[in-house]
Amino acid sequence: MHSHLNNMTTFTTCDGSKEQCGSQRWEILILHLSQAEMAAPNSAERKACWDARDQLWKCLDDNNDQVKSCQRFMNEFETKCPAQWVKYFNKRRDFLKYKEKIQTEGFRPG
């Protein structure tokens, strides 16, 4: 048994009546994503994301990685890029900064 509620579907764990299911009815809400939300970014969207990333990274470089100083750029980056891309680019920046440090300062075991 399910019913549509805006863009969500409610499924119950029992297909029977309330008496058959008991007093507890567990519901799982599943968000339906439109095809547009599932589609890969087009060329213009990718460029906008990369530009937002580059502006954020420049701001972070110019401000000694102080995120507070770059909040406007961070918001734009998070708005213009898919969440998985944001996660990837953040990890990528951390790796590149670490790699640069190793190359300039050398490896120093902790």
Foldseek 3Di string as FASTA:
>chain_A
DWDDDPQKIKDWPDPDDCVVVDVDIDIDIDGDDDVVVVDDDDPVLVVQLVVLLVVLVVQCVVVVNPCVSRVVSVVSNPVSDDPVVVVVSVVVVVVVVVVVCCVVVNDDDD
